[in-house]
C-alpha atoms as a PDB file:
ATOM      1  CA  MET A   1       6.920  30.278  -1.503  1.00  0.00           C
ATOM      2  CA  ASN A   2       9.795  30.380  -4.371  1.00  0.00           C
ATOM      3  CA  LYS A   3      11.263  26.843  -3.001  1.00  0.00           C
ATOM      4  CA  LEU A   4       7.595  25.575  -2.470  1.00  0.00           C
ATOM      5  CA  ILE A   5       6.683  25.874  -6.380  1.00  0.00           C
ATOM      6  CA  LEU A   6       9.943  24.383  -7.504  1.00  0.00           C
ATOM      7  CA  PHE A   7       8.921  21.243  -5.141  1.00  0.00           C
ATOM      8  CA  PHE A   8       5.459  20.460  -6.467  1.00  0.00           C
ATOM      9  CA  THR A   9       6.911  20.930  -9.781  1.00  0.00           C
ATOM     10  CA  PHE A  10       8.982  18.758  -9.700  1.00  0.00           C
ATOM     11  CA  ILE A  11       6.907  15.764  -7.830  1.00  0.00           C
ATOM     12  CA  PHE A  12       4.617  16.788 -11.207  1.00  0.00           C
ATOM     13  CA  VAL A  13       6.881  16.201 -13.507  1.00  0.00           C
ATOM     14  CA  ASN A  14       8.109  12.726 -12.148  1.00  0.00           C
ATOM     15  CA  PHE A  15       4.445  11.450 -11.370  1.00  0.00           C
ATOM     16  CA  ALA A  16       3.531  12.761 -15.687  1.00  0.00           C
ATOM     17  CA  PHE A  17       7.130  10.452 -16.582  1.00  0.00           C
ATOM     18  CA  CYS A  18       6.176   7.379 -15.173  1.00  0.00           C
ATOM     19  CA  GLN A  19       3.207   7.193 -16.975  1.00  0.00           C
ATOM     20  CA  GLU A  20       3.957   6.864 -21.093  1.00  0.00           C
ATOM     21  CA  VAL A  21       0.524   6.282 -24.076  1.00  0.00           C
ATOM     22  CA  GLU A  22       1.287   5.544 -26.738  1.00  0.00           C
ATOM     23  CA  PHE A  23      -1.356   5.928 -30.244  1.00  0.00           C
ATOM     24  CA  ILE A  24      -1.005   2.309 -32.352  1.00  0.00           C
ATOM     25  CA  THR A  25      -3.315   3.285 -34.521  1.00  0.00           C
ATOM     26  CA  LYS A  26      -6.394   6.359 -34.491  1.00  0.00           C
ATOM     27  CA  ASN A  27      -9.299   5.969 -36.591  1.00  0.00           C
ATOM     28  CA  ASP A  28     -11.155   9.094 -37.879  1.00  0.00           C
ATOM     29  CA  THR A  29     -14.820   8.863 -36.188  1.00  0.00           C
ATOM     30  CA  LEU A  30     -17.612  11.551 -36.383  1.00  0.00           C
ATOM     31  CA  THR A  31     -18.727  10.150 -33.000  1.00  0.00           C
ATOM     32  CA  THR A  32     -18.419  11.777 -29.752  1.00  0.00           C
ATOM     33  CA  ASN A  33     -18.650  11.891 -25.930  1.00  0.00           C
ATOM     34  CA  LYS A  34     -20.323  13.534 -24.519  1.00  0.00           C
ATOM     35  CA  ASP A  35     -20.936  12.118 -20.897  1.00  0.00           C
ATOM     36  CA  ASN A  36     -17.506  10.366 -20.622  1.00  0.00           C
ATOM     37  CA  TYR A  37     -18.557   7.893 -20.375  1.00  0.00           C
ATOM     38  CA  PHE A  38     -15.743   4.569 -20.131  1.00  0.00           C
ATOM     39  CA  GLY A  39     -17.056   1.190 -20.129  1.00  0.00           C
ATOM     40  CA  TYR A  40     -15.226  -1.697 -19.785  1.00  0.00           C
ATOM     41  CA  LEU A  41     -15.762  -4.358 -22.489  1.00  0.00           C
ATOM     42  CA  PHE A  42     -16.066  -8.356 -22.287  1.00  0.00           C
ATOM     43  CA  LYS A  43     -14.854 -10.914 -24.861  1.00  0.00           C
ATOM     44  CA  GLU A  44     -17.726 -12.543 -25.027  1.00  0.00           C
ATOM     45  CA  THR A  45     -19.553  -9.083 -25.557  1.00  0.00           C
ATOM     46  CA  ASP A  46     -19.647  -9.499 -29.488  1.00  0.00           C
ATOM     47  CA  LEU A  47     -18.305  -6.136 -31.073  1.00  0.00           C
ATOM     48  CA  SER A  48     -18.790  -6.582 -34.967  1.00  0.00           C
ATOM     49  CA  ASN A  49     -21.254  -4.012 -35.091  1.00  0.00           C
ATOM     50  CA  ALA A  50     -19.109  -1.459 -32.721  1.00  0.00           C
ATOM     51  CA  LYS A  51     -16.604   1.682 -34.550  1.00  0.00           C
ATOM     52  CA  LEU A  52     -12.797   0.751 -33.554  1.00  0.00           C
ATOM     53  CA  VAL A  53     -11.420   4.323 -32.234  1.00  0.00           C
ATOM     54  CA  ALA A  54      -7.997   3.720 -31.566  1.00  0.00           C
ATOM     55  CA  LYS A  55      -6.041   1.378 -30.523  1.00  0.00           C
ATOM     56  CA  VAL A  56      -3.519   2.668 -27.187  1.00  0.00           C
ATOM     57  CA  LYS A  57      -0.450   1.259 -25.093  1.00  0.00           C
ATOM     58  CA  GLY A  58      -0.286   2.540 -22.022  1.00  0.00           C
ATOM     59  CA  SER A  59       3.140   1.632 -19.545  1.00  0.00           C
ATOM     60  CA  GLY A  60       4.333   3.444 -16.846  1.00  0.00           C
ATOM     61  CA  ASN A  61       5.139   2.349 -12.908  1.00  0.00           C
ATOM     62  CA  ILE A  62       2.928  -0.709 -11.419  1.00  0.00           C
ATOM     63  CA  ASN A  63       1.725   1.523  -8.392  1.00  0.00           C
ATOM     64  CA  THR A  64       0.663   4.771 -11.045  1.00  0.00           C
ATOM     65  CA  PHE A  65      -1.904   2.010 -12.621  1.00  0.00           C
ATOM     66  CA  SER A  66      -5.266   3.871 -11.712  1.00  0.00           C
ATOM     67  CA  GLY A  67      -3.490   6.912 -13.636  1.00  0.00           C
ATOM     68  CA  ILE A  68      -1.952   5.027 -17.236  1.00  0.00           C
ATOM     69  CA  PHE A  69      -5.816   4.153 -17.211  1.00  0.00           C
ATOM     70  CA  GLN A  70      -6.942   7.869 -16.372  1.00  0.00           C
ATOM     71  CA  LYS A  71      -4.863   9.149 -18.828  1.00  0.00           C
ATOM     72  CA  ILE A  72      -6.114   6.259 -21.278  1.00  0.00           C
ATOM     73  CA  LYS A  73      -9.255   7.377 -21.183  1.00  0.00           C
ATOM     74  CA  TYR A  74      -9.050  11.395 -20.707  1.00  0.00           C
ATOM     75  CA  LEU A  75      -7.304  10.631 -24.833  1.00  0.00           C
ATOM     76  CA  THR A  76      -9.063   8.181 -25.957  1.00  0.00           C
ATOM     77  CA  THR A  77     -12.524   9.843 -25.503  1.00  0.00           C
ATOM     78  CA  LYS A  78     -11.695  13.233 -26.523  1.00  0.00           C
ATOM     79  CA  ILE A  79     -11.915  11.365 -29.581  1.00  0.00           C
ATOM     80  CA  GLY A  80     -15.003   9.455 -29.207  1.00  0.00           C
ATOM     81  CA  ALA A  81     -14.500   6.590 -27.462  1.00  0.00           C
ATOM     82  CA  ASN A  82     -16.732   5.501 -24.674  1.00  0.00           C
ATOM     83  CA  SER A  83     -15.447   1.639 -23.849  1.00  0.00           C
ATOM     84  CA  PHE A  84     -12.545  -0.201 -23.814  1.00  0.00           C
ATOM     85  CA  PHE A  85     -11.363  -4.070 -23.951  1.00  0.00           C
ATOM     86  CA  ILE A  86      -8.212  -4.415 -22.455  1.00  0.00           C
ATOM     87  CA  GLU A  87      -6.375  -6.830 -24.864  1.00  0.00           C
ATOM     88  CA  SER A  88      -2.636  -7.246 -23.042  1.00  0.00           C
ATOM     89  CA  TYR A  89      -1.692  -6.679 -19.561  1.00  0.00           C
ATOM     90  CA  THR A  90       2.201  -7.587 -19.686  1.00  0.00           C
ATOM     91  CA  LYS A  91       4.563  -7.302 -16.297  1.00  0.00           C
ATOM     92  CA  ILE A  92       8.300  -5.338 -17.731  1.00  0.00           C
ATOM     93  CA  ASP A  93       9.606  -6.085 -14.761  1.00  0.00           C
ATOM     94  CA  ALA A  94       8.820  -5.641 -11.166  1.00  0.00           C
ATOM     95  CA  GLN A  95       8.322  -1.786 -11.349  1.00  0.00           C
ATOM     96  CA  ASN A  96       7.221  -1.891 -14.974  1.00  0.00           C
ATOM     97  CA  ILE A  97       3.636  -3.211 -16.666  1.00  0.00           C
ATOM     98  CA  GLU A  98       1.956  -1.775 -20.004  1.00  0.00           C
ATOM     99  CA  MET A  99      -1.613  -2.450 -20.952  1.00  0.00           C
ATOM    100  CA  VAL A 100      -2.608  -2.590 -24.837  1.00  0.00           C
ATOM    101  CA  PHE A 101      -6.957  -1.359 -25.723  1.00  0.00           C
ATOM    102  CA  LEU A 102      -8.931  -1.555 -28.002  1.00  0.00           C
ATOM    103  CA  THR A 103     -11.029   1.395 -27.269  1.00  0.00           C
ATOM    104  CA  TYR A 104     -14.752   1.920 -29.126  1.00  0.00           C
ATOM    105  CA  ASN A 105     -17.836   3.352 -29.956  1.00  0.00           C
ATOM    106  CA  CYS A 106     -20.589   1.716 -28.919  1.00  0.00           C
ATOM    107  CA  SER A 107     -24.319   1.465 -29.365  1.00  0.00           C
ATOM    108  CA  ASP A 108     -26.789   0.807 -26.071  1.00  0.00           C
ATOM    109  CA  GLU A 109     -27.179  -1.984 -27.694  1.00  0.00           C
ATOM    110  CA  ILE A 110     -23.761  -3.439 -27.828  1.00  0.00           C
ATOM    111  CA  PHE A 111     -24.028  -1.517 -24.361  1.00  0.00           C
ATOM    112  CA  GLU A 112     -27.091  -3.723 -22.754  1.00  0.00           C
ATOM    113  CA  LYS A 113     -26.155  -7.185 -24.832  1.00  0.00           C
ATOM    114  CA  ASN A 114     -22.154  -6.512 -22.654  1.00  0.00           C
ATOM    115  CA  PHE A 115     -23.959  -5.829 -19.206  1.00  0.00           C
ATOM    116  CA  LYS A 116     -24.978 -10.212 -19.537  1.00  0.00           C
ATOM    117  CA  ASN A 117     -21.850 -10.078 -19.209  1.00  0.00           C
ATOM    118  CA  VAL A 118     -21.604  -8.256 -16.109  1.00  0.00           C
ATOM    119  CA  PRO A 119     -21.082 -10.473 -12.666  1.00  0.00           C
ATOM    120  CA  LYS A 120     -23.845  -9.809 -10.670  1.00  0.00           C
ATOM    121  CA  ASN A 121     -24.648  -9.494  -6.869  1.00  0.00           C
ATOM    122  CA  LEU A 122     -20.730  -9.375  -5.629  1.00  0.00           C
ATOM    123  CA  ILE A 123     -18.693  -7.632  -3.537  1.00  0.00           C
ATOM    124  CA  TYR A 124     -15.066  -6.988  -4.754  1.00  0.00           C
ATOM    125  CA  VAL A 125     -13.544  -5.661  -1.906  1.00  0.00           C
ATOM    126  CA  ILE A 126     -10.025  -4.210  -3.338  1.00  0.00           C
ATOM    127  CA  GLY A 127      -6.180  -4.090  -2.183  1.00  0.00           C
ATOM    128  CA  SER A 128      -3.965  -0.951  -3.155  1.00  0.00           C
ATOM    129  CA  GLU A 129      -2.708  -0.401  -5.962  1.00  0.00           C
ATOM    130  CA  ASN A 130       0.407  -0.298  -4.366  1.00  0.00           C
ATOM    131  CA  LEU A 131       1.907  -3.362  -5.087  1.00  0.00           C
ATOM    132  CA  SER A 132       5.168  -3.286  -3.557  1.00  0.00           C
ATOM    133  CA  SER A 133       3.767  -2.206  -0.349  1.00  0.00           C
ATOM    134  CA  GLU A 134       3.231  -5.856   1.888  1.00  0.00           C
ATOM    135  CA  LYS A 135       0.513  -3.850   4.356  1.00  0.00           C
ATOM    136  CA  THR A 136      -2.595  -5.545   4.627  1.00  0.00           C
ATOM    137  CA  GLN A 137      -6.617  -3.851   5.078  1.00  0.00           C
ATOM    138  CA  ASN A 138      -8.490  -5.530   8.278  1.00  0.00           C
ATOM    139  CA  PHE A 139     -12.314  -4.744   7.754  1.00  0.00           C
ATOM    140  CA  LYS A 140     -15.477  -7.326   8.642  1.00  0.00           C
ATOM    141  CA  ILE A 141     -18.322  -8.709   5.927  1.00  0.00           C
ATOM    142  CA  ASN A 142     -21.411  -9.727   8.278  1.00  0.00           C
ATOM    143  CA  GLY A 143     -18.941  -9.741  11.479  1.00  0.00           C
ATOM    144  CA  LYS A 144     -16.534 -11.563  10.014  1.00  0.00           C
ATOM    145  CA  LYS A 145     -12.669 -10.842  10.425  1.00  0.00           C
ATOM    146  CA  HIS A 146     -10.741  -9.875   6.980  1.00  0.00           C
ATOM    147  CA  GLN A 147      -7.922  -8.870   5.591  1.00  0.00           C
ATOM    148  CA  ILE A 148      -7.229  -7.577   2.018  1.00  0.00           C
ATOM    149  CA  LEU A 149      -3.571  -7.509   0.265  1.00  0.00           C
ATOM    150  CA  SER A 150      -1.915  -5.404  -2.655  1.00  0.00           C
ATOM    151  CA  GLY A 151      -2.664  -5.841  -5.695  1.00  0.00           C
ATOM    152  CA  LYS A 152      -5.868  -8.149  -4.915  1.00  0.00           C
ATOM    153  CA  TYR A 153      -9.310  -8.520  -4.221  1.00  0.00           C
ATOM    154  CA  LYS A 154     -11.512 -10.304  -2.784  1.00  0.00           C
ATOM    155  CA  ARG A 155     -15.540 -11.405  -3.520  1.00  0.00           C
ATOM    156  CA  PHE A 156     -18.270 -12.095  -1.009  1.00  0.00           C
ATOM    157  CA  GLU A 157     -21.254 -13.735  -2.404  1.00  0.00           C
ATOM    158  CA  VAL A 158     -25.210 -11.230  -1.831  1.00  0.00           C
ATOM    159  CA  LYS A 159     -27.826 -13.131  -2.279  1.00  0.00           C
ATOM    160  CA  ILE A 160     -30.628 -11.923  -3.944  1.00  0.00           C
ATOM    161  CA  GLY A 161     -33.065 -10.648  -0.863  1.00  0.00           C
ATOM    162  CA  GLU A 162     -30.194 -10.786   1.307  1.00  0.00           C
ATOM    163  CA  GLU A 163     -27.938  -8.196   2.744  1.00  0.00           C
ATOM    164  CA  LEU A 164     -24.483  -7.866   3.678  1.00  0.00           C
ATOM    165  CA  LYS A 165     -22.768  -5.574   6.005  1.00  0.00           C
ATOM    166  CA  ILE A 166     -19.197  -4.581   5.267  1.00  0.00           C
ATOM    167  CA  ASN A 167     -17.471  -2.446   8.361  1.00  0.00           C
ATOM    168  CA  LYS A 168     -14.513  -0.799   8.927  1.00  0.00           C
ATOM    169  CA  GLY A 169     -13.002   0.387  11.798  1.00  0.00           C
ATOM    170  CA  GLY A 170     -15.575  -0.612  13.891  1.00  0.00           C
ATOM    171  CA  PHE A 171     -17.322   1.102  15.940  1.00  0.00           C
ATOM    172  CA  ALA A 172     -16.688   4.518  15.057  1.00  0.00           C
ATOM    173  CA  GLY A 173     -16.022   3.170  11.585  1.00  0.00           C
ATOM    174  CA  MET A 174     -18.187   3.117   8.809  1.00  0.00           C
ATOM    175  CA  THR A 175     -20.545   0.401   7.719  1.00  0.00           C
ATOM    176  CA  LEU A 176     -22.624  -0.283   4.276  1.00  0.00           C
ATOM    177  CA  TRP A 177     -25.225  -2.272   4.389  1.00  0.00           C
ATOM    178  CA  ILE A 178     -25.530  -3.889   0.467  1.00  0.00           C
ATOM    179  CA  LYS A 179     -28.630  -5.354  -0.915  1.00  0.00           C
ATOM    180  CA  GLY A 180     -29.029  -8.333  -3.604  1.00  0.00           C
ATOM    181  CA  GLU A 181     -31.360  -8.191  -5.928  1.00  0.00           C
ATOM    182  CA  GLU A 182     -32.435  -9.737  -9.651  1.00  0.00           C
ATOM    183  CA  GLU A 183     -30.140  -8.438 -12.140  1.00  0.00           C
ATOM    184  CA  LYS A 184     -27.779  -6.031 -10.416  1.00  0.00           C
ATOM    185  CA  GLY A 185     -24.459  -5.433 -10.929  1.00  0.00           C
ATOM    186  CA  SER A 186     -21.236  -6.186  -8.972  1.00  0.00           C
ATOM    187  CA  THR A 187     -20.587  -3.680  -6.379  1.00  0.00           C
ATOM    188  CA  PHE A 188     -16.433  -2.288  -5.797  1.00  0.00           C
ATOM    189  CA  VAL A 189     -14.794  -1.207  -2.890  1.00  0.00           C
ATOM    190  CA  SER A 190     -11.311  -0.267  -1.947  1.00  0.00           C
ATOM    191  CA  PHE A 191     -10.061   1.749   1.439  1.00  0.00           C
ATOM    192  CA  THR A 192      -7.546   3.086  -0.121  1.00  0.00           C
ATOM    193  CA  GLY A 193      -9.464   5.970  -2.167  1.00  0.00           C
ATOM    194  CA  LEU A 194      -8.495   3.491  -5.238  1.00  0.00           C
ATOM    195  CA  GLY A 195     -10.789   4.546  -8.296  1.00  0.00           C
ATOM    196  CA  LEU A 196     -12.757   7.062  -6.530  1.00  0.00           C
ATOM    197  CA  MET A 197     -16.090   7.894  -7.289  1.00  0.00           C
ATOM    198  CA  GLY A 198     -16.045  11.320  -6.213  1.00  0.00           C
ATOM    199  CA  GLY A 199     -14.785  12.059  -2.496  1.00  0.00           C
ATOM    200  CA  GLY A 200     -16.328   9.073  -0.901  1.00  0.00           C
ATOM    201  CA  TYR A 201     -18.688   5.781  -1.157  1.00  0.00           C
ATOM    202  CA  ASN A 202     -22.167   7.078  -2.275  1.00  0.00           C
ATOM    203  CA  PRO A 203     -25.028   5.173  -1.394  1.00  0.00           C
ATOM    204  CA  ALA A 204     -27.201   3.813  -4.041  1.00  0.00           C
ATOM    205  CA  ASN A 205     -28.725   1.113  -5.980  1.00  0.00           C
ATOM    206  CA  GLY A 206     -30.093  -0.336  -2.416  1.00  0.00           C
ATOM    207  CA  VAL A 207     -26.396   0.585  -0.630  1.00  0.00           C
ATOM    208  CA  MET A 208     -26.630   2.539   2.662  1.00  0.00           C
ATOM    209  CA  GLY A 209     -23.820   3.703   4.232  1.00  0.00           C
ATOM    210  CA  ILE A 210     -23.189   6.050   8.260  1.00  0.00           C
ATOM    211  CA  ALA A 211     -19.935   7.505   7.978  1.00  0.00           C
ATOM    212  CA  ILE A 212     -18.420   8.589  11.866  1.00  0.00           C
ATOM    213  CA  ASN A 213     -14.611   8.317  12.906  1.00  0.00           C
ATOM    214  CA  THR A 214     -12.712   6.217  11.456  1.00  0.00           C
ATOM    215  CA  GLY A 215     -12.235   3.958   8.901  1.00  0.00           C
ATOM    216  CA  THR A 216     -13.718   5.294   5.472  1.00  0.00           C
ATOM    217  CA  ILE A 217     -15.356   2.639   2.547  1.00  0.00           C
ATOM    218  CA  ASN A 218     -14.627   4.221  -1.119  1.00  0.00           C
ATOM    219  CA  ARG A 219     -16.238   2.549  -4.426  1.00  0.00           C
ATOM    220  CA  VAL A 220     -14.484   1.996  -6.329  1.00  0.00           C
ATOM    221  CA  GLU A 221     -16.035   2.823 -10.313  1.00  0.00           C
ATOM    222  CA  PRO A 222     -17.603   0.091 -11.771  1.00  0.00           C
ATOM    223  CA  ASN A 223     -15.401  -0.493 -15.135  1.00  0.00           C
ATOM    224  CA  PHE A 224     -12.522  -0.142 -13.765  1.00  0.00           C
ATOM    225  CA  GLY A 225     -13.311  -2.273 -10.720  1.00  0.00           C
ATOM    226  CA  LEU A 226     -13.775  -5.298 -13.970  1.00  0.00           C
ATOM    227  CA  LEU A 227     -10.359  -4.013 -15.510  1.00  0.00           C
ATOM    228  CA  LEU A 228      -8.593  -4.342 -12.119  1.00  0.00           C
ATOM    229  CA  LEU A 229      -9.783  -7.587 -11.765  1.00  0.00           C
ATOM    230  CA  ARG A 230      -8.036  -8.773 -14.838  1.00  0.00           C
ATOM    231  CA  VAL A 231      -4.856  -7.062 -12.617  1.00  0.00           C
ATOM    232  CA  PHE A 232      -4.822  -7.574  -9.599  1.00  0.00           C
ATOM    233  CA  GLU A 233      -4.823 -12.091  -8.475  1.00  0.00           C
ATOM    234  CA  GLU A 234      -7.616 -13.207  -6.107  1.00  0.00           C
ATOM    235  CA  GLN A 235      -7.052 -13.519  -2.517  1.00  0.00           C
ATOM    236  CA  LYS A 236      -9.064 -16.411  -1.218  1.00  0.00           C
END
């Protein structure tokens, strides 16, 4: 039993040291973030009236990208940040990355303006964050076969009033039907559990899902998904 505890402690400690986050600047604010929201901010959005909470640098192994992001989110939302702008993303070497975030507390008015820059009615299929893996994931869009590589994403358009069908795992797998609607934000999905919103796909906003046995389609949190578009490469 003690050996088992030591083993998991060793794994946890090593995982923690793979991710380093440090504050470059931190501003005293009286703001709070009660709902733990952490919105992606576009470069086109005017942030002159936003409150800068902190500038943060995160670094670590490239295969723990989501862990670095979650750590930045945890530390900055605790002090009032509800949004972030990625100032830089750098591959230090083949195994390590460094990111610098500007985190803000934005008003509803700023978020409304920011939403205008969100890509609408697109489906992004996101590959694994294990960039050292050459494994491909197979899936179908409207019956047509596709593959997605690690560290890549594929983009599909859903026309307003129409539906796009995503299938993973064939007949005994999982199928989603995603509707195109006016001003509907894009959907991000993964087959690896990357950036999950809960334990699996939660059908919402015109999305229906049926899961049977094999093949899982998971929803990626949209703000994290938008960040991944800056980090991953588009696969044509």
